[in-house]
Amino acid sequence: MSKFDSGVKGYVYGTVTLRVGFPIDWHDVPHISCTQCRFYSGAGRRCQLNKELIAFPERYTGDYCPLEIEKSEEEK
């Protein structure tokens, strides 16, 4: 393991693309909320992607949710 006794000069970044499915009920209503996301931790009420504390995870996505919600075919 490297030691950084003299500090860190910079960083090399990696990027990841994730796809998360949110359920649509039989009335065609999408349920997009943190509690429906596989990256939500109910124990700490936090997003595991950005570690944000979520105020109303059962109703909304967090203010800093990194997901960009795709439009359905009907919305396009």
PDB file of N, CA and C in Angstrom:
ATOM      1  N   MET A   1       0.849  -1.173   0.000  1.00  0.00           N
ATOM      2  CA  MET A   1       0.000   0.000   0.000  1.00  0.00           C
ATOM      3  C   MET A   1       0.894   1.236   0.000  1.00  0.00           C
ATOM      4  N   SER A   2       0.531   2.202  -0.816  1.00  0.00           N
ATOM      5  CA  SER A   2       1.310   3.429  -0.905  1.00  0.00           C
ATOM      6  C   SER A   2       1.107   4.306   0.309  1.00  0.00           C
ATOM      7  N   LYS A   3       2.147   5.042   0.632  1.00  0.00           N
ATOM      8  CA  LYS A   3       2.051   6.025   1.711  1.00  0.00           C
ATOM      9  C   LYS A   3       2.060   7.412   1.093  1.00  0.00           C
ATOM     10  N   PHE A   4       1.336   8.304   1.696  1.00  0.00           N
ATOM     11  CA  PHE A   4       1.242   9.662   1.192  1.00  0.00           C
ATOM     12  C   PHE A   4       1.774  10.632   2.241  1.00  0.00           C
ATOM     13  N   ASP A   5       3.001  10.376   2.678  1.00  0.00           N
ATOM     14  CA  ASP A   5       3.621  11.203   3.718  1.00  0.00           C
ATOM     15  C   ASP A   5       3.743  12.666   3.295  1.00  0.00           C
ATOM     16  N   SER A   6       3.958  12.887   2.006  1.00  0.00           N
ATOM     17  CA  SER A   6       4.127  14.265   1.539  1.00  0.00           C
ATOM     18  C   SER A   6       2.841  14.825   0.925  1.00  0.00           C
ATOM     19  N   GLY A   7       1.717  14.143   1.096  1.00  0.00           N
ATOM     20  CA  GLY A   7       0.441  14.639   0.575  1.00  0.00           C
ATOM     21  C   GLY A   7       0.042  13.952  -0.716  1.00  0.00           C
ATOM     22  N   VAL A   8      -1.001  14.432  -1.321  1.00  0.00           N
ATOM     23  CA  VAL A   8      -1.543  13.895  -2.565  1.00  0.00           C
ATOM     24  C   VAL A   8      -1.468  14.980  -3.624  1.00  0.00           C
ATOM     25  N   LYS A   9      -0.878  14.661  -4.762  1.00  0.00           N
ATOM     26  CA  LYS A   9      -0.730  15.624  -5.848  1.00  0.00           C
ATOM     27  C   LYS A   9      -2.044  15.809  -6.604  1.00  0.00           C
ATOM     28  N   GLY A  10      -2.806  14.759  -6.759  1.00  0.00           N
ATOM     29  CA  GLY A  10      -4.050  14.833  -7.519  1.00  0.00           C
ATOM     30  C   GLY A  10      -4.752  13.493  -7.491  1.00  0.00           C
ATOM     31  N   TYR A  11      -5.722  13.328  -8.342  1.00  0.00           N
ATOM     32  CA  TYR A  11      -6.496  12.093  -8.413  1.00  0.00           C
ATOM     33  C   TYR A  11      -6.711  11.683  -9.855  1.00  0.00           C
ATOM     34  N   VAL A  12      -6.914  10.400 -10.061  1.00  0.00           N
ATOM     35  CA  VAL A  12      -7.359   9.849 -11.329  1.00  0.00           C
ATOM     36  C   VAL A  12      -8.780   9.372 -11.071  1.00  0.00           C
ATOM     37  N   TYR A  13      -9.732   9.780 -11.910  1.00  0.00           N
ATOM     38  CA  TYR A  13     -11.134   9.474 -11.669  1.00  0.00           C
ATOM     39  C   TYR A  13     -11.636   8.376 -12.588  1.00  0.00           C
ATOM     40  N   GLY A  14     -12.565   7.610 -12.083  1.00  0.00           N
ATOM     41  CA  GLY A  14     -13.274   6.604 -12.863  1.00  0.00           C
ATOM     42  C   GLY A  14     -14.750   6.971 -12.891  1.00  0.00           C
ATOM     43  N   THR A  15     -15.456   6.509 -13.893  1.00  0.00           N
ATOM     44  CA  THR A  15     -16.879   6.795 -14.051  1.00  0.00           C
ATOM     45  C   THR A  15     -17.640   5.485 -14.179  1.00  0.00           C
ATOM     46  N   VAL A  16     -18.818   5.466 -13.622  1.00  0.00           N
ATOM     47  CA  VAL A  16     -19.665   4.282 -13.706  1.00  0.00           C
ATOM     48  C   VAL A  16     -21.059   4.700 -14.170  1.00  0.00           C
ATOM     49  N   THR A  17     -21.710   3.841 -14.930  1.00  0.00           N
ATOM     50  CA  THR A  17     -23.082   4.070 -15.359  1.00  0.00           C
ATOM     51  C   THR A  17     -23.951   3.008 -14.696  1.00  0.00           C
ATOM     52  N   LEU A  18     -24.986   3.448 -14.005  1.00  0.00           N
ATOM     53  CA  LEU A  18     -25.902   2.545 -13.311  1.00  0.00           C
ATOM     54  C   LEU A  18     -27.284   2.667 -13.918  1.00  0.00           C
ATOM     55  N   ARG A  19     -28.028   1.576 -13.864  1.00  0.00           N
ATOM     56  CA  ARG A  19     -29.427   1.615 -14.299  1.00  0.00           C
ATOM     57  C   ARG A  19     -30.267   1.031 -13.176  1.00  0.00           C
ATOM     58  N   VAL A  20     -31.239   1.798 -12.700  1.00  0.00           N
ATOM     59  CA  VAL A  20     -32.089   1.389 -11.591  1.00  0.00           C
ATOM     60  C   VAL A  20     -33.528   1.365 -12.089  1.00  0.00           C
ATOM     61  N   GLY A  21     -34.214   0.261 -11.840  1.00  0.00           N
ATOM     62  CA  GLY A  21     -35.619   0.141 -12.239  1.00  0.00           C
ATOM     63  C   GLY A  21     -36.542   0.542 -11.105  1.00  0.00           C
ATOM     64  N   PHE A  22     -37.529   1.393 -11.408  1.00  0.00           N
ATOM     65  CA  PHE A  22     -38.547   1.779 -10.451  1.00  0.00           C
ATOM     66  C   PHE A  22     -39.876   1.176 -10.916  1.00  0.00           C
ATOM     67  N   PRO A  23     -40.694   0.689  -9.982  1.00  0.00           N
ATOM     68  CA  PRO A  23     -41.937   0.012 -10.380  1.00  0.00           C
ATOM     69  C   PRO A  23     -43.010   0.971 -10.888  1.00  0.00           C
ATOM     70  N   ILE A  24     -43.851   0.444 -11.797  1.00  0.00           N
ATOM     71  CA  ILE A  24     -45.024   1.146 -12.309  1.00  0.00           C
ATOM     72  C   ILE A  24     -46.223   0.279 -11.944  1.00  0.00           C
ATOM     73  N   ASP A  25     -47.212   0.863 -11.273  1.00  0.00           N
ATOM     74  CA  ASP A  25     -48.369   0.059 -10.865  1.00  0.00           C
ATOM     75  C   ASP A  25     -49.327  -0.144 -12.042  1.00  0.00           C
ATOM     76  N   TRP A  26     -50.410  -0.884 -11.812  1.00  0.00           N
ATOM     77  CA  TRP A  26     -51.358  -1.220 -12.880  1.00  0.00           C
ATOM     78  C   TRP A  26     -52.207  -0.032 -13.311  1.00  0.00           C
ATOM     79  N   HIS A  27     -52.053   1.103 -12.656  1.00  0.00           N
ATOM     80  CA  HIS A  27     -52.709   2.339 -13.075  1.00  0.00           C
ATOM     81  C   HIS A  27     -51.725   3.231 -13.824  1.00  0.00           C
ATOM     82  N   ASP A  28     -50.589   2.653 -14.207  1.00  0.00           N
ATOM     83  CA  ASP A  28     -49.518   3.338 -14.949  1.00  0.00           C
ATOM     84  C   ASP A  28     -48.881   4.485 -14.172  1.00  0.00           C
ATOM     85  N   VAL A  29     -48.870   4.386 -12.855  1.00  0.00           N
ATOM     86  CA  VAL A  29     -48.248   5.393 -12.009  1.00  0.00           C
ATOM     87  C   VAL A  29     -46.862   4.892 -11.600  1.00  0.00           C
ATOM     88  N   PRO A  30     -45.800   5.608 -12.026  1.00  0.00           N
ATOM     89  CA  PRO A  30     -44.453   5.203 -11.602  1.00  0.00           C
ATOM     90  C   PRO A  30     -44.207   5.591 -10.146  1.00  0.00           C
ATOM     91  N   HIS A  31     -43.562   4.722  -9.406  1.00  0.00           N
ATOM     92  CA  HIS A  31     -43.247   4.974  -7.999  1.00  0.00           C
ATOM     93  C   HIS A  31     -41.747   5.213  -7.885  1.00  0.00           C
ATOM     94  N   ILE A  32     -41.368   6.476  -8.063  1.00  0.00           N
ATOM     95  CA  ILE A  32     -39.967   6.873  -8.048  1.00  0.00           C
ATOM     96  C   ILE A  32     -39.674   7.527  -6.705  1.00  0.00           C
ATOM     97  N   SER A  33     -39.041   6.769  -5.840  1.00  0.00           N
ATOM     98  CA  SER A  33     -38.664   7.267  -4.519  1.00  0.00           C
ATOM     99  C   SER A  33     -37.436   6.490  -4.065  1.00  0.00           C
ATOM    100  N   CYS A  34     -36.777   7.007  -3.075  1.00  0.00           N
ATOM    101  CA  CYS A  34     -35.564   6.348  -2.579  1.00  0.00           C
ATOM    102  C   CYS A  34     -35.839   4.949  -2.060  1.00  0.00           C
ATOM    103  N   THR A  35     -36.992   4.743  -1.415  1.00  0.00           N
ATOM    104  CA  THR A  35     -37.275   3.421  -0.860  1.00  0.00           C
ATOM    105  C   THR A  35     -37.430   2.361  -1.947  1.00  0.00           C
ATOM    106  N   GLN A  36     -37.679   2.764  -3.180  1.00  0.00           N
ATOM    107  CA  GLN A  36     -37.791   1.826  -4.291  1.00  0.00           C
ATOM    108  C   GLN A  36     -36.453   1.593  -4.989  1.00  0.00           C
ATOM    109  N   CYS A  37     -35.430   2.298  -4.565  1.00  0.00           N
ATOM    110  CA  CYS A  37     -34.110   2.197  -5.192  1.00  0.00           C
ATOM    111  C   CYS A  37     -33.241   1.175  -4.465  1.00  0.00           C
ATOM    112  N   ARG A  38     -32.514   0.372  -5.212  1.00  0.00           N
ATOM    113  CA  ARG A  38     -31.664  -0.661  -4.596  1.00  0.00           C
ATOM    114  C   ARG A  38     -30.449  -0.079  -3.887  1.00  0.00           C
ATOM    115  N   PHE A  39     -30.174   1.193  -4.074  1.00  0.00           N
ATOM    116  CA  PHE A  39     -29.028   1.826  -3.421  1.00  0.00           C
ATOM    117  C   PHE A  39     -29.420   2.618  -2.171  1.00  0.00           C
ATOM    118  N   TYR A  40     -30.657   2.474  -1.751  1.00  0.00           N
ATOM    119  CA  TYR A  40     -31.125   3.147  -0.533  1.00  0.00           C
ATOM    120  C   TYR A  40     -30.924   2.232   0.661  1.00  0.00           C
ATOM    121  N   SER A  41     -30.375   2.769   1.732  1.00  0.00           N
ATOM    122  CA  SER A  41     -30.197   2.026   2.972  1.00  0.00           C
ATOM    123  C   SER A  41     -31.233   2.489   3.979  1.00  0.00           C
ATOM    124  N   GLY A  42     -32.204   1.643   4.259  1.00  0.00           N
ATOM    125  CA  GLY A  42     -33.264   1.991   5.201  1.00  0.00           C
ATOM    126  C   GLY A  42     -32.763   2.122   6.627  1.00  0.00           C
ATOM    127  N   ALA A  43     -31.720   1.392   6.969  1.00  0.00           N
ATOM    128  CA  ALA A  43     -31.194   1.433   8.337  1.00  0.00           C
ATOM    129  C   ALA A  43     -30.702   2.833   8.706  1.00  0.00           C
ATOM    130  N   GLY A  44     -30.015   3.484   7.792  1.00  0.00           N
ATOM    131  CA  GLY A  44     -29.488   4.821   8.075  1.00  0.00           C
ATOM    132  C   GLY A  44     -30.207   5.922   7.338  1.00  0.00           C
ATOM    133  N   ARG A  45     -31.259   5.557   6.560  1.00  0.00           N
ATOM    134  CA  ARG A  45     -32.002   6.503   5.722  1.00  0.00           C
ATOM    135  C   ARG A  45     -31.054   7.293   4.820  1.00  0.00           C
ATOM    136  N   ARG A  46     -30.092   6.576   4.241  1.00  0.00           N
ATOM    137  CA  ARG A  46     -29.088   7.228   3.400  1.00  0.00           C
ATOM    138  C   ARG A  46     -28.988   6.565   2.036  1.00  0.00           C
ATOM    139  N   CYS A  47     -28.598   7.382   1.070  1.00  0.00           N
ATOM    140  CA  CYS A  47     -28.269   6.897  -0.266  1.00  0.00           C
ATOM    141  C   CYS A  47     -26.858   6.318  -0.211  1.00  0.00           C
ATOM    142  N   GLN A  48     -26.696   5.128  -0.739  1.00  0.00           N
ATOM    143  CA  GLN A  48     -25.376   4.515  -0.735  1.00  0.00           C
ATOM    144  C   GLN A  48     -24.496   5.009  -1.890  1.00  0.00           C
ATOM    145  N   LEU A  49     -25.059   5.789  -2.793  1.00  0.00           N
ATOM    146  CA  LEU A  49     -24.256   6.362  -3.876  1.00  0.00           C
ATOM    147  C   LEU A  49     -23.586   7.656  -3.459  1.00  0.00           C
ATOM    148  N   ASN A  50     -24.311   8.513  -2.727  1.00  0.00           N
ATOM    149  CA  ASN A  50     -23.732   9.809  -2.356  1.00  0.00           C
ATOM    150  C   ASN A  50     -23.716  10.049  -0.847  1.00  0.00           C
ATOM    151  N   LYS A  51     -24.160   9.067  -0.060  1.00  0.00           N
ATOM    152  CA  LYS A  51     -24.173   9.118   1.410  1.00  0.00           C
ATOM    153  C   LYS A  51     -25.080  10.213   1.972  1.00  0.00           C
ATOM    154  N   GLU A  52     -25.989  10.728   1.148  1.00  0.00           N
ATOM    155  CA  GLU A  52     -26.919  11.772   1.575  1.00  0.00           C
ATOM    156  C   GLU A  52     -27.965  11.209   2.536  1.00  0.00           C
ATOM    157  N   LEU A  53     -28.293  11.965   3.567  1.00  0.00           N
ATOM    158  CA  LEU A  53     -29.388  11.647   4.466  1.00  0.00           C
ATOM    159  C   LEU A  53     -30.674  12.095   3.774  1.00  0.00           C
ATOM    160  N   ILE A  54     -31.648  11.186   3.624  1.00  0.00           N
ATOM    161  CA  ILE A  54     -32.860  11.469   2.863  1.00  0.00           C
ATOM    162  C   ILE A  54     -33.997  11.842   3.813  1.00  0.00           C
ATOM    163  N   ALA A  55     -34.644  12.970   3.572  1.00  0.00           N
ATOM    164  CA  ALA A  55     -35.705  13.462   4.460  1.00  0.00           C
ATOM    165  C   ALA A  55     -36.991  12.642   4.335  1.00  0.00           C
ATOM    166  N   PHE A  56     -37.498  12.438   3.151  1.00  0.00           N
ATOM    167  CA  PHE A  56     -38.748  11.709   2.933  1.00  0.00           C
ATOM    168  C   PHE A  56     -38.526  10.626   1.870  1.00  0.00           C
ATOM    169  N   PRO A  57     -37.769   9.584   2.204  1.00  0.00           N
ATOM    170  CA  PRO A  57     -37.380   8.583   1.204  1.00  0.00           C
ATOM    171  C   PRO A  57     -38.542   7.770   0.647  1.00  0.00           C
ATOM    172  N   GLU A  58     -39.650   7.704   1.384  1.00  0.00           N
ATOM    173  CA  GLU A  58     -40.798   6.935   0.903  1.00  0.00           C
ATOM    174  C   GLU A  58     -41.634   7.714  -0.115  1.00  0.00           C
ATOM    175  N   ARG A  59     -41.371   9.022  -0.245  1.00  0.00           N
ATOM    176  CA  ARG A  59     -42.163   9.861  -1.146  1.00  0.00           C
ATOM    177  C   ARG A  59     -41.378  10.434  -2.320  1.00  0.00           C
ATOM    178  N   TYR A  60     -40.082  10.689  -2.120  1.00  0.00           N
ATOM    179  CA  TYR A  60     -39.296  11.390  -3.129  1.00  0.00           C
ATOM    180  C   TYR A  60     -37.920  10.752  -3.281  1.00  0.00           C
ATOM    181  N   THR A  61     -37.159  11.302  -4.232  1.00  0.00           N
ATOM    182  CA  THR A  61     -35.731  11.003  -4.285  1.00  0.00           C
ATOM    183  C   THR A  61     -35.017  12.172  -3.613  1.00  0.00           C
ATOM    184  N   GLY A  62     -33.812  11.937  -3.149  1.00  0.00           N
ATOM    185  CA  GLY A  62     -33.068  12.971  -2.442  1.00  0.00           C
ATOM    186  C   GLY A  62     -32.702  14.143  -3.333  1.00  0.00           C
ATOM    187  N   ASP A  63     -32.410  15.274  -2.706  1.00  0.00           N
ATOM    188  CA  ASP A  63     -32.057  16.489  -3.444  1.00  0.00           C
ATOM    189  C   ASP A  63     -30.826  16.307  -4.321  1.00  0.00           C
ATOM    190  N   TYR A  64     -29.919  15.431  -3.913  1.00  0.00           N
ATOM    191  CA  TYR A  64     -28.677  15.236  -4.658  1.00  0.00           C
ATOM    192  C   TYR A  64     -28.605  13.863  -5.310  1.00  0.00           C
ATOM    193  N   CYS A  65     -29.758  13.322  -5.632  1.00  0.00           N
ATOM    194  CA  CYS A  65     -29.807  12.005  -6.292  1.00  0.00           C
ATOM    195  C   CYS A  65     -29.042  12.079  -7.614  1.00  0.00           C
ATOM    196  N   PRO A  66     -28.078  11.180  -7.828  1.00  0.00           N
ATOM    197  CA  PRO A  66     -27.283  11.228  -9.051  1.00  0.00           C
ATOM    198  C   PRO A  66     -27.975  10.586 -10.258  1.00  0.00           C
ATOM    199  N   LEU A  67     -29.143   9.977 -10.055  1.00  0.00           N
ATOM    200  CA  LEU A  67     -29.835   9.310 -11.157  1.00  0.00           C
ATOM    201  C   LEU A  67     -30.540  10.318 -12.052  1.00  0.00           C
ATOM    202  N   GLU A  68     -30.440  10.104 -13.339  1.00  0.00           N
ATOM    203  CA  GLU A  68     -31.204  10.876 -14.312  1.00  0.00           C
ATOM    204  C   GLU A  68     -32.325   9.977 -14.776  1.00  0.00           C
ATOM    205  N   ILE A  69     -33.559  10.331 -14.449  1.00  0.00           N
ATOM    206  CA  ILE A  69     -34.707   9.489 -14.752  1.00  0.00           C
ATOM    207  C   ILE A  69     -35.005   9.566 -16.244  1.00  0.00           C
ATOM    208  N   GLU A  70     -35.081   8.382 -16.876  1.00  0.00           N
ATOM    209  CA  GLU A  70     -35.378   8.295 -18.305  1.00  0.00           C
ATOM    210  C   GLU A  70     -36.861   8.543 -18.536  1.00  0.00           C
ATOM    211  N   LYS A  71     -37.182   9.134 -19.656  1.00  0.00           N
ATOM    212  CA  LYS A  71     -38.579   9.324 -20.016  1.00  0.00           C
ATOM    213  C   LYS A  71     -39.099   8.044 -20.652  1.00  0.00           C
ATOM    214  N   SER A  72     -40.369   7.739 -20.393  1.00  0.00           N
ATOM    215  CA  SER A  72     -40.982   6.559 -21.000  1.00  0.00           C
ATOM    216  C   SER A  72     -41.240   6.831 -22.473  1.00  0.00           C
ATOM    217  N   GLU A  73     -41.624   5.787 -23.193  1.00  0.00           N
ATOM    218  CA  GLU A  73     -41.899   5.943 -24.624  1.00  0.00           C
ATOM    219  C   GLU A  73     -43.060   6.914 -24.860  1.00  0.00           C
ATOM    220  N   GLU A  74     -44.060   6.914 -23.958  1.00  0.00           N
ATOM    221  CA  GLU A  74     -45.212   7.813 -24.098  1.00  0.00           C
ATOM    222  C   GLU A  74     -44.809   9.270 -23.893  1.00  0.00           C
ATOM    223  N   GLU A  75     -43.824   9.515 -23.032  1.00  0.00           N
ATOM    224  CA  GLU A  75     -43.401  10.886 -22.717  1.00  0.00           C
ATOM    225  C   GLU A  75     -42.470  11.462 -23.777  1.00  0.00           C
ATOM    226  N   LYS A  76     -41.841  10.619 -24.580  1.00  0.00           N
ATOM    227  CA  LYS A  76     -40.870  11.089 -25.578  1.00  0.00           C
ATOM    228  C   LYS A  76     -41.511  11.748 -26.751  1.00  0.00           C
TER     229      LYS A  76
END
